[in-house]
Amino acid sequence: MSIFKSSIAVLATACLAASAQAQLDPPVFSAGPDTSTRYNVNSISTTYPTGRPDATSYAPVYVTSNGGSQLRLNQASVGIRRVGSTTTPAVAVTVEVTIQEMTFDGTNYGLGNVVQTFTQDLAASTTSLTQVVSKSWGDADPAVRPLVNLQTTSNGANGYGGFWVGVRFTGAGSSSSTNGWRVVTEPVLGRSNNNFGINDPSNTGWGANFYFGTTVGTDGVTRENQARFSVNVNGLVTDSVSPPPTLVYGRIFDTGAYWKPTDALDGVGSKRFYSSAFMRANVGEALTPNKVSMDVYRGGTAVTPAPAIGVELALVKMTWDAVAGAYGVGDVVATQTFQLDASTTAKTDRIDWTWSNPATAPVVALNTDNPANVNVGGMWVAARFIGDADALLGANGPTIGFAPAYGASLNSFAMDNAGVFTTYTFTPPYTWTSAAGVTAFYNRPSRFMLQAFGVVGPNVPPPPSCPADLNQDRVVNGADLGLMLGAWGPCPV
């Protein structure tokens, strides 16, 4: 069975559709499907962390910003799960929602300015239901609607800007586990990390990166519990720009993690690792790229710099084995090596492999043989690190991201082990320990940060070379004559 839908971009309806308002800006963040669970930081329950009166839980919310830095709010809502019955009603509670800016210093996420706060009283309920707590600014003049300064340091280069949405339960029923913020899966519009933050002013203060751990299903498989909350936001990124029309794969959300490719080092270079890139394509079509990008994390410090290293990128054809139902590696179409200098700071370097002239760009035939992936064509972007043994052992590696907003990819990567093509995934549980010594779990995606720009069209062989077209722009004119006259004179020996 294919991991893809018949269409790469699936438009989904949020689990909590916001009520219609006048002059609504479009949705910019929509919650994913419910998980049938809830969370209340103030209740004494088995969910960690708990028992923190007056604490606020914060969901990280990232919207597609396309280079923009301000979100004009129109409407915001959260989903509150009430678990009640005639014998044990869900107690009455007041829900306070805070829209707050996000800070990021390169390592830690923090709380910035409070943009808006609103409350709603929920009466006791003798049934189990999810109630929407919302605020709309749709009837206000757009010029006076709240503005959120988006945090674009961590993912702005990838097209996303972030802020926080916080929920606090107050009143006599605030500590009751019958009320909780609805827990959902990955959003269908926008992005979020599978973690959350807590601000407890009377105890430990601010802390980010809390997780819900893992559970073992009835099939014996360990799975990650979701740590995202039900949030829906309408608005407009006021200074956004349109994405490049040639973007066919990318806009991946950076998880902040990276993979260090230390497998089978031979002192010269590491093995190639292959990342899949699928894009819309008909049978027989190919990609003529104008740019392919990859992000490489450099974990350097003044004491232990990330050593200089070479990174070889390759565009590789994809094959399809109908019997095994698996993709494989075909011919290498093009390669290019880039040199990264030593780094004394922790940062991410973006490698851009560009072709300014379509006539000299490689042509990568896209694989469309999988009958389950209609109108989808795939290729591999491969990479390997080149250097001596010390360089290869340094803190360098491809950064890891979620699914792309443009195109699609397998949630895995692959390596060729002596002719055997093997796929790998980062499976849970991965542990993370806070400064307070609390261990939690985080399931990282298994994709690498890539982007591909270009034109997908019929796989037509390039025209034969024209000796008189000196600058290879497919036209013989005065520009070619100028090149010839500039080289006029005796030929060098």
Protein backbone atom coordinates (compact mmCIF):
# COMPACT_ATOMS: atom_id res chain seq x y z
CA MET A 1 0.00 0.00 0.00
CA SER A 2 1.29 3.41 -0.90
CA ILE A 3 2.21 5.84 1.86
CA PHE A 4 0.86 8.66 -0.28
CA LYS A 5 -2.62 9.80 -1.05
CA SER A 6 -3.66 10.08 -4.69
CA SER A 7 -2.99 13.78 -4.36
CA ILE A 8 0.11 15.13 -2.67
CA ALA A 9 -1.58 18.16 -1.17
CA VAL A 10 -4.62 16.96 0.80
CA LEU A 11 -7.02 19.63 1.90
CA ALA A 12 -8.48 18.58 5.24
CA THR A 13 -11.15 20.09 7.43
CA ALA A 14 -9.98 20.96 10.92
CA CYS A 15 -11.45 18.89 13.70
CA LEU A 16 -12.87 22.06 15.19
CA ALA A 17 -14.16 24.28 12.42
CA ALA A 18 -14.32 27.90 13.48
CA SER A 19 -17.71 29.55 13.21
CA ALA A 20 -18.18 31.92 10.31
CA GLN A 21 -17.45 35.55 10.99
CA ALA A 22 -17.64 38.67 8.93
CA GLN A 23 -14.52 39.65 6.99
CA LEU A 24 -12.64 36.48 7.91
CA ASP A 25 -9.07 36.14 6.78
CA PRO A 26 -8.22 32.61 5.64
CA PRO A 27 -7.17 29.82 8.02
CA VAL A 28 -3.42 29.76 8.65
CA PHE A 29 -3.29 26.96 11.24
CA SER A 30 -5.75 24.05 11.59
CA ALA A 31 -5.64 21.27 14.15
CA GLY A 32 -5.20 17.66 13.15
CA PRO A 33 -7.59 14.80 14.03
CA ASP A 34 -8.45 14.16 17.66
CA THR A 35 -6.58 11.53 19.66
CA SER A 36 -9.47 11.09 22.14
CA THR A 37 -7.25 12.32 24.98
CA ARG A 38 -7.00 15.58 26.91
CA TYR A 39 -4.51 17.41 29.12
CA ASN A 40 -4.86 19.70 32.12
CA VAL A 41 -1.60 20.85 33.70
CA ASN A 42 -3.41 21.66 36.97
CA SER A 43 -5.02 18.26 37.51
CA ILE A 44 -3.51 15.45 39.53
CA SER A 45 -3.41 12.61 37.03
CA THR A 46 -1.00 10.16 35.46
CA THR A 47 -0.10 12.62 32.70
CA TYR A 48 3.23 14.38 33.24
CA PRO A 49 3.72 17.12 34.35
CA THR A 50 0.74 17.81 36.62
CA GLY A 51 -0.36 19.44 39.83
CA ARG A 52 0.71 23.00 38.99
CA PRO A 53 -1.96 25.48 40.09
CA ASP A 54 -2.29 28.57 37.89
CA ALA A 55 0.15 27.15 35.31
CA THR A 56 -0.36 27.82 31.60
CA SER A 57 0.32 25.24 28.89
CA TYR A 58 1.61 26.56 25.56
CA ALA A 59 1.29 25.04 22.11
CA PRO A 60 3.90 26.03 19.49
CA VAL A 61 2.08 27.29 16.40
CA TYR A 62 3.88 27.85 13.09
CA VAL A 63 2.18 29.38 10.07
CA THR A 64 3.39 29.59 6.50
CA SER A 65 5.05 32.98 6.38
CA ASN A 66 6.85 32.90 3.01
CA GLY A 67 9.36 35.43 4.25
CA GLY A 68 6.84 37.44 6.26
CA SER A 69 7.30 38.36 9.90
CA GLN A 70 3.89 39.63 11.13
CA LEU A 71 0.58 37.81 11.45
CA ARG A 72 -2.60 39.89 11.55
CA LEU A 73 -4.98 37.90 13.75
CA ASN A 74 -8.58 37.43 12.72
CA GLN A 75 -9.76 34.51 14.82
CA ALA A 76 -8.27 32.02 17.26
CA SER A 77 -9.81 29.02 18.97
CA VAL A 78 -8.85 26.05 21.12
CA GLY A 79 -10.68 22.79 21.72
CA ILE A 80 -11.50 21.84 25.31
CA ARG A 81 -12.46 18.24 25.99
CA ARG A 82 -15.23 17.78 28.63
CA VAL A 83 -15.68 14.26 30.00
CA GLY A 84 -18.98 14.18 31.84
CA SER A 85 -21.93 11.95 32.63
CA THR A 86 -25.17 12.28 34.55
CA THR A 87 -23.53 10.72 37.59
CA THR A 88 -20.15 12.49 37.25
CA PRO A 89 -20.53 15.78 35.36
CA ALA A 90 -17.59 17.66 33.91
CA VAL A 91 -17.29 20.50 36.39
CA ALA A 92 -17.72 24.14 35.46
CA VAL A 93 -14.44 25.86 34.59
CA THR A 94 -13.07 29.09 33.13
CA VAL A 95 -10.66 28.79 30.22
CA GLU A 96 -8.12 31.56 29.64
CA VAL A 97 -6.44 31.67 26.22
CA THR A 98 -3.28 33.68 25.61
CA ILE A 99 -1.74 34.60 22.24
CA GLN A 100 1.92 35.25 22.94
CA GLU A 101 4.99 35.91 20.87
CA MET A 102 7.81 33.37 20.72
CA THR A 103 11.51 34.02 21.21
CA PHE A 104 14.44 31.86 20.13
CA ASP A 105 18.10 32.53 20.94
CA GLY A 106 19.51 29.81 18.72
CA THR A 107 19.16 27.16 21.42
CA ASN A 108 16.21 27.90 23.70
CA TYR A 109 12.61 28.89 23.03
CA GLY A 110 11.03 31.50 25.27
CA LEU A 111 7.94 33.62 25.89
CA GLY A 112 7.78 37.07 24.32
CA ASN A 113 5.14 39.80 24.44
CA VAL A 114 1.52 38.94 25.22
CA VAL A 115 -0.58 39.93 22.20
CA GLN A 116 -4.10 38.99 23.32
CA THR A 117 -5.82 37.24 26.24
CA PHE A 118 -9.46 36.16 26.34
CA THR A 119 -11.57 33.97 28.64
CA GLN A 120 -14.71 31.89 28.38
CA ASP A 121 -16.79 30.24 31.11
CA LEU A 122 -17.83 26.65 30.49
CA ALA A 123 -20.82 25.36 32.43
CA ALA A 124 -20.91 21.91 33.97
CA SER A 125 -21.63 19.19 31.40
CA THR A 126 -23.37 15.85 31.87
CA THR A 127 -22.15 14.62 28.48
CA SER A 128 -18.73 14.12 26.92
CA LEU A 129 -17.98 16.61 24.18
CA THR A 130 -15.34 18.98 22.83
CA GLN A 131 -16.19 22.66 23.20
CA VAL A 132 -14.63 25.49 21.25
CA VAL A 133 -13.28 28.49 23.14
CA SER A 134 -12.71 31.25 20.62
CA LYS A 135 -12.20 34.93 19.97
CA SER A 136 -12.86 36.73 16.70
CA TRP A 137 -11.66 40.10 15.49
CA GLY A 138 -13.44 39.72 12.16
CA ASP A 139 -15.79 42.65 12.72
CA ALA A 140 -12.94 45.02 13.50
CA ASP A 141 -11.20 47.16 10.93
CA PRO A 142 -8.25 45.14 9.59
CA ALA A 143 -5.95 48.03 10.47
CA VAL A 144 -6.64 47.60 14.20
CA ARG A 145 -6.63 43.79 14.43
CA PRO A 146 -3.93 42.30 16.69
CA LEU A 147 -0.49 41.82 15.14
CA VAL A 148 1.82 38.98 16.16
CA ASN A 149 5.53 39.36 15.51
CA LEU A 150 6.45 35.90 14.26
CA GLN A 151 9.57 34.07 15.40
CA THR A 152 11.43 33.34 12.16
CA THR A 153 14.92 32.60 13.51
CA SER A 154 14.45 28.83 13.72
CA ASN A 155 12.34 28.17 10.61
CA GLY A 156 11.99 31.42 8.70
CA ALA A 157 14.36 30.25 5.98
CA ASN A 158 12.04 27.28 5.49
CA GLY A 159 8.95 29.47 5.15
CA TYR A 160 7.47 29.28 8.68
CA GLY A 161 6.94 31.79 11.49
CA GLY A 162 6.04 30.78 15.05
CA PHE A 163 4.20 31.99 18.13
CA TRP A 164 2.56 30.45 21.22
CA VAL A 165 -1.07 29.77 22.09
CA GLY A 166 -1.52 29.19 25.82
CA VAL A 167 -4.38 27.72 27.85
CA ARG A 168 -4.95 28.11 31.60
CA PHE A 169 -7.81 26.61 33.59
CA THR A 170 -9.08 28.85 36.41
CA GLY A 171 -11.86 28.85 38.96
CA ALA A 172 -13.11 26.19 41.35
CA GLY A 173 -12.96 23.46 38.70
CA SER A 174 -9.48 24.26 37.41
CA SER A 175 -7.83 21.15 38.87
CA SER A 176 -10.51 18.70 37.75
CA SER A 177 -9.35 16.09 35.24
CA THR A 178 -12.84 16.14 33.70
CA ASN A 179 -11.67 19.16 31.68
CA GLY A 180 -8.61 19.26 29.49
CA TRP A 181 -7.07 20.78 26.37
CA ARG A 182 -7.87 18.42 23.51
CA VAL A 183 -4.79 16.50 22.28
CA VAL A 184 -4.54 16.08 18.50
CA THR A 185 -2.20 14.80 15.82
CA GLU A 186 -0.04 16.86 13.45
CA PRO A 187 -1.93 19.90 12.07
CA VAL A 188 -3.43 19.76 8.60
CA LEU A 189 -2.48 23.38 7.94
CA GLY A 190 0.64 24.94 9.39
CA ARG A 191 3.25 23.17 11.48
CA SER A 192 4.04 22.42 15.11
CA ASN A 193 6.60 20.51 17.11
CA ASN A 194 5.45 17.40 18.96
CA ASN A 195 6.07 19.08 22.31
CA PHE A 196 4.70 21.90 24.41
CA GLY A 197 5.72 24.48 26.99
CA ILE A 198 4.60 25.26 30.54
CA ASN A 199 4.83 28.52 32.45
CA ASP A 200 4.41 28.03 36.20
CA PRO A 201 5.07 31.43 37.82
CA SER A 202 4.54 30.15 41.36
CA ASN A 203 6.92 27.19 41.07
CA THR A 204 9.45 26.39 38.35
CA GLY A 205 8.79 29.25 35.94
CA TRP A 206 9.08 28.73 32.18
CA GLY A 207 10.01 25.42 30.63
CA ALA A 208 9.72 24.18 27.05
CA ASN A 209 9.96 20.79 25.35
CA PHE A 210 7.56 18.68 27.41
CA TYR A 211 6.37 15.43 25.84
CA PHE A 212 3.74 12.81 26.59
CA GLY A 213 6.04 9.79 26.23
CA THR A 214 5.14 6.53 24.53
CA THR A 215 2.68 3.68 24.95
CA VAL A 216 2.74 0.06 23.84
CA GLY A 217 -0.23 -0.90 21.69
CA THR A 218 -2.12 -4.16 21.77
CA ASP A 219 0.07 -5.28 18.87
CA GLY A 220 3.19 -4.84 21.02
CA VAL A 221 4.48 -1.86 19.02
CA THR A 222 5.82 1.14 20.95
CA ARG A 223 4.25 4.32 19.62
CA GLU A 224 4.70 7.95 20.45
CA ASN A 225 1.88 9.79 22.18
CA GLN A 226 0.99 13.07 20.53
CA ALA A 227 1.95 16.30 22.27
CA ARG A 228 0.05 18.76 20.13
CA PHE A 229 -3.03 20.65 21.23
CA SER A 230 -6.18 21.58 19.35
CA VAL A 231 -5.66 25.09 17.95
CA ASN A 232 -7.20 26.88 14.98
CA VAL A 233 -6.13 30.33 13.77
CA ASN A 234 -7.34 32.58 10.96
CA GLY A 235 -5.26 35.52 9.86
CA LEU A 236 -3.01 37.06 7.28
CA VAL A 237 0.76 37.30 7.15
CA THR A 238 0.80 40.92 6.10
CA ASP A 239 4.32 41.10 4.66
CA SER A 240 4.39 37.67 3.05
CA VAL A 241 5.65 37.09 -0.47
CA SER A 242 4.59 34.45 -2.95
CA PRO A 243 6.75 31.31 -3.01
CA PRO A 244 8.83 30.78 -6.16
CA PRO A 245 6.70 29.20 -8.90
CA THR A 246 9.50 26.74 -9.61
CA LEU A 247 9.43 25.19 -6.12
CA VAL A 248 8.44 21.57 -6.76
CA TYR A 249 9.64 19.96 -3.53
CA GLY A 250 10.33 21.54 -0.16
CA ARG A 251 9.21 24.01 2.49
CA ILE A 252 10.14 21.46 5.15
CA PHE A 253 9.79 22.30 8.83
CA ASP A 254 13.08 21.90 10.70
CA THR A 255 12.79 19.78 13.86
CA GLY A 256 16.01 21.19 15.31
CA ALA A 257 17.68 17.77 15.22
CA TYR A 258 20.33 16.33 12.91
CA TRP A 259 21.84 12.96 11.98
CA LYS A 260 25.56 12.27 12.10
CA PRO A 261 26.49 9.89 9.25
CA THR A 262 29.21 7.79 10.89
CA ASP A 263 28.28 4.46 9.28
CA ALA A 264 31.18 2.49 7.83
CA LEU A 265 33.67 5.33 7.59
CA ASP A 266 36.60 4.44 5.36
CA GLY A 267 38.84 7.43 6.00
CA VAL A 268 37.96 8.97 2.63
CA GLY A 269 34.24 9.53 2.75
CA SER A 270 31.00 8.21 4.17
CA LYS A 271 28.45 6.21 2.24
CA ARG A 272 25.84 8.01 0.22
CA PHE A 273 22.51 8.44 1.98
CA TYR A 274 19.44 8.88 -0.18
CA SER A 275 16.44 11.13 0.46
CA SER A 276 13.31 10.71 -1.65
CA ALA A 277 11.72 13.67 -3.39
CA PHE A 278 8.30 13.20 -5.00
CA MET A 279 6.56 15.86 -7.05
CA ARG A 280 3.60 16.14 -9.38
CA ALA A 281 4.43 14.51 -12.70
CA ASN A 282 2.81 12.60 -15.53
CA VAL A 283 4.20 9.43 -17.06
CA GLY A 284 7.37 10.14 -19.03
CA GLU A 285 8.11 13.50 -17.40
CA ALA A 286 11.38 14.71 -15.95
CA LEU A 287 12.72 17.46 -13.71
CA THR A 288 15.04 20.09 -15.13
CA PRO A 289 16.30 21.73 -11.93
CA ASN A 290 17.54 25.27 -11.44
CA LYS A 291 18.38 24.77 -7.76
CA VAL A 292 18.64 21.94 -5.24
CA SER A 293 19.28 22.82 -1.59
CA MET A 294 20.29 20.81 1.45
CA ASP A 295 20.75 21.90 5.08
CA VAL A 296 23.78 20.71 7.06
CA TYR A 297 24.07 21.19 10.80
CA ARG A 298 27.46 22.30 12.16
CA GLY A 299 27.77 21.58 15.87
CA GLY A 300 30.82 23.72 16.54
CA THR A 301 32.08 25.57 19.61
CA ALA A 302 35.12 27.72 20.26
CA VAL A 303 36.69 24.79 22.12
CA THR A 304 35.61 22.04 19.70
CA PRO A 305 34.98 23.48 16.22
CA ALA A 306 32.97 21.58 13.66
CA PRO A 307 35.78 20.62 11.25
CA ALA A 308 35.90 21.64 7.61
CA ILE A 309 34.31 19.00 5.45
CA GLY A 310 33.23 18.29 1.89
CA VAL A 311 29.64 17.47 1.00
CA GLU A 312 28.90 15.72 -2.27
CA LEU A 313 25.37 16.02 -3.58
CA ALA A 314 23.99 13.77 -6.31
CA LEU A 315 20.78 13.61 -8.33
CA VAL A 316 19.87 9.96 -8.77
CA LYS A 317 17.12 8.23 -10.70
CA MET A 318 14.57 6.20 -8.79
CA THR A 319 13.45 2.69 -9.72
CA TRP A 320 10.31 0.78 -8.76
CA ASP A 321 10.16 -2.96 -8.01
CA ALA A 322 6.54 -3.99 -8.60
CA VAL A 323 7.06 -7.43 -7.05
CA ALA A 324 8.66 -6.18 -3.84
CA GLY A 325 6.61 -2.99 -3.81
CA ALA A 326 9.67 -0.90 -3.09
CA TYR A 327 11.66 1.96 -4.58
CA GLY A 328 15.31 1.49 -5.48
CA VAL A 329 18.33 3.38 -6.79
CA GLY A 330 18.98 3.93 -10.47
CA ASP A 331 21.61 5.84 -12.45
CA VAL A 332 23.43 8.87 -11.06
CA VAL A 333 22.55 11.84 -13.26
CA ALA A 334 24.78 14.57 -11.78
CA THR A 335 27.11 15.20 -8.84
CA GLN A 336 28.70 18.26 -7.28
CA THR A 337 30.98 18.67 -4.23
CA PHE A 338 30.83 21.64 -1.87
CA GLN A 339 33.38 22.62 0.77
CA LEU A 340 32.22 23.78 4.20
CA ASP A 341 34.71 25.70 6.34
CA ALA A 342 35.28 24.87 10.00
CA SER A 343 32.72 26.45 12.32
CA THR A 344 33.22 27.62 15.91
CA THR A 345 29.47 28.15 16.38
CA ALA A 346 26.45 25.90 16.23
CA LYS A 347 24.61 26.75 13.04
CA THR A 348 23.00 25.35 9.92
CA ASP A 349 24.64 25.82 6.53
CA ARG A 350 22.39 25.74 3.47
CA ILE A 351 24.08 24.30 0.38
CA ASP A 352 22.65 25.63 -2.89
CA TRP A 353 23.43 23.69 -6.07
CA THR A 354 22.31 25.95 -8.91
CA TRP A 355 22.04 25.95 -12.71
CA SER A 356 21.44 29.36 -14.29
CA ASN A 357 21.12 28.01 -17.82
CA PRO A 358 18.45 25.34 -18.49
CA ALA A 359 20.44 24.19 -21.51
CA THR A 360 23.27 23.00 -19.27
CA ALA A 361 21.14 21.72 -16.35
CA PRO A 362 20.79 17.98 -15.80
CA VAL A 363 17.54 16.26 -16.75
CA VAL A 364 16.30 13.74 -14.17
CA ALA A 365 13.66 11.31 -15.40
CA LEU A 366 11.02 10.93 -12.66
CA ASN A 367 9.76 7.49 -11.68
CA THR A 368 5.99 7.21 -12.08
CA ASP A 369 5.76 3.39 -12.08
CA ASN A 370 4.02 2.94 -8.71
CA PRO A 371 0.33 2.55 -9.67
CA ALA A 372 -0.75 3.67 -6.19
CA ASN A 373 0.88 7.09 -6.66
CA VAL A 374 -1.03 8.55 -9.59
CA ASN A 375 0.48 11.74 -11.05
CA VAL A 376 3.45 11.49 -8.69
CA GLY A 377 7.04 11.24 -9.90
CA GLY A 378 10.03 10.50 -7.71
CA MET A 379 13.79 10.88 -7.64
CA TRP A 380 16.58 10.64 -5.05
CA VAL A 381 18.76 13.41 -3.72
CA ALA A 382 21.83 11.68 -2.34
CA ALA A 383 24.66 13.07 -0.25
CA ARG A 384 27.89 11.94 1.34
CA PHE A 385 30.47 13.64 3.51
CA ILE A 386 34.07 13.75 2.32
CA GLY A 387 37.15 14.32 4.44
CA ASP A 388 39.71 12.65 6.62
CA ALA A 389 38.78 10.48 9.59
CA ASP A 390 38.84 13.40 12.06
CA ALA A 391 36.58 15.52 9.86
CA LEU A 392 34.10 12.69 9.40
CA LEU A 393 33.94 12.14 13.14
CA GLY A 394 33.14 15.82 13.75
CA ALA A 395 29.73 17.29 14.53
CA ASN A 396 28.42 17.61 10.97
CA GLY A 397 25.25 16.10 9.57
CA PRO A 398 22.05 16.66 7.60
CA THR A 399 19.27 18.40 9.51
CA ILE A 400 15.99 16.55 9.99
CA GLY A 401 12.54 17.81 9.05
CA PHE A 402 8.85 16.98 8.89
CA ALA A 403 6.92 16.28 5.68
CA PRO A 404 7.32 18.93 2.95
CA ALA A 405 4.60 21.46 2.17
CA TYR A 406 5.38 21.08 -1.55
CA GLY A 407 5.65 17.55 -2.90
CA ALA A 408 6.00 14.47 -0.71
CA SER A 409 8.63 12.10 0.61
CA LEU A 410 9.07 8.79 2.35
CA ASN A 411 9.51 9.12 6.12
CA SER A 412 12.84 7.34 5.88
CA PHE A 413 16.21 7.55 4.20
CA ALA A 414 18.26 4.86 2.50
CA MET A 415 21.86 3.69 2.13
CA ASP A 416 23.55 1.34 -0.30
CA ASN A 417 25.37 -1.32 1.71
CA ALA A 418 27.59 -3.23 -0.73
CA GLY A 419 24.85 -3.39 -3.31
CA VAL A 420 22.03 -3.95 -0.81
CA PHE A 421 19.68 -0.96 -0.68
CA THR A 422 18.49 -0.54 2.91
CA THR A 423 16.04 1.98 4.33
CA TYR A 424 16.29 3.45 7.81
CA THR A 425 13.89 5.30 10.11
CA PHE A 426 14.32 7.07 13.42
CA THR A 427 11.87 5.05 15.51
CA PRO A 428 10.72 5.85 19.06
CA PRO A 429 11.51 6.08 21.79
CA TYR A 430 14.24 8.69 21.58
CA THR A 431 14.91 10.07 25.04
CA TRP A 432 15.43 13.67 26.06
CA THR A 433 16.32 14.73 29.60
CA SER A 434 15.54 18.20 30.90
CA ALA A 435 17.79 20.28 33.12
CA ALA A 436 15.63 19.14 36.03
CA GLY A 437 16.50 15.51 35.25
CA VAL A 438 13.09 14.59 33.83
CA THR A 439 13.24 12.12 30.95
CA ALA A 440 10.68 12.30 28.17
CA PHE A 441 10.35 10.89 24.65
CA TYR A 442 10.44 12.37 21.19
CA ASN A 443 9.89 10.63 17.88
CA ARG A 444 11.93 12.39 15.21
CA PRO A 445 10.95 12.23 11.55
CA SER A 446 13.37 10.47 9.23
CA ARG A 447 13.52 13.02 6.42
CA PHE A 448 16.31 15.42 5.65
CA MET A 449 15.97 19.12 4.88
CA LEU A 450 15.88 19.41 1.09
CA GLN A 451 14.37 21.68 -1.53
CA ALA A 452 14.14 21.30 -5.31
CA PHE A 453 13.32 24.07 -7.77
CA GLY A 454 12.85 23.66 -11.49
CA VAL A 455 10.47 22.68 -14.25
CA VAL A 456 8.68 19.34 -14.56
CA GLY A 457 7.82 18.48 -18.15
CA PRO A 458 8.22 15.95 -20.95
CA ASN A 459 11.53 14.11 -20.88
CA VAL A 460 12.87 15.52 -24.14
CA PRO A 461 16.57 15.03 -24.93
CA PRO A 462 18.47 18.33 -25.04
CA PRO A 463 18.98 19.81 -28.52
CA PRO A 464 22.30 19.13 -30.23
CA SER A 465 25.01 21.61 -29.38
CA CYS A 466 25.50 24.58 -31.67
CA PRO A 467 29.22 25.51 -31.99
CA ALA A 468 28.37 29.14 -32.76
CA ASP A 469 26.26 29.51 -29.60
CA LEU A 470 29.24 30.38 -27.41
CA ASN A 471 27.25 31.40 -24.31
CA GLN A 472 24.80 28.47 -24.73
CA ASP A 473 21.64 30.58 -24.55
CA ARG A 474 20.23 28.79 -27.63
CA VAL A 475 20.55 31.96 -29.74
CA VAL A 476 23.41 33.00 -32.03
CA ASN A 477 23.62 36.80 -31.86
CA GLY A 478 25.83 39.74 -30.93
CA ALA A 479 26.55 38.33 -27.49
CA ASP A 480 28.31 35.36 -29.10
CA LEU A 481 30.16 37.68 -31.48
CA GLY A 482 31.36 39.71 -28.49
CA LEU A 483 32.74 36.57 -26.84
CA MET A 484 34.55 35.64 -30.04
CA LEU A 485 36.05 39.12 -30.51
CA GLY A 486 37.08 39.18 -26.86
CA ALA A 487 39.10 36.05 -27.44
CA TRP A 488 40.58 37.31 -30.72
CA GLY A 489 44.31 36.79 -31.05
CA PRO A 490 46.88 34.06 -31.00
CA CYS A 491 45.88 30.75 -29.37
CA PRO A 492 47.85 29.90 -26.24
CA VAL A 493 50.34 27.10 -26.61
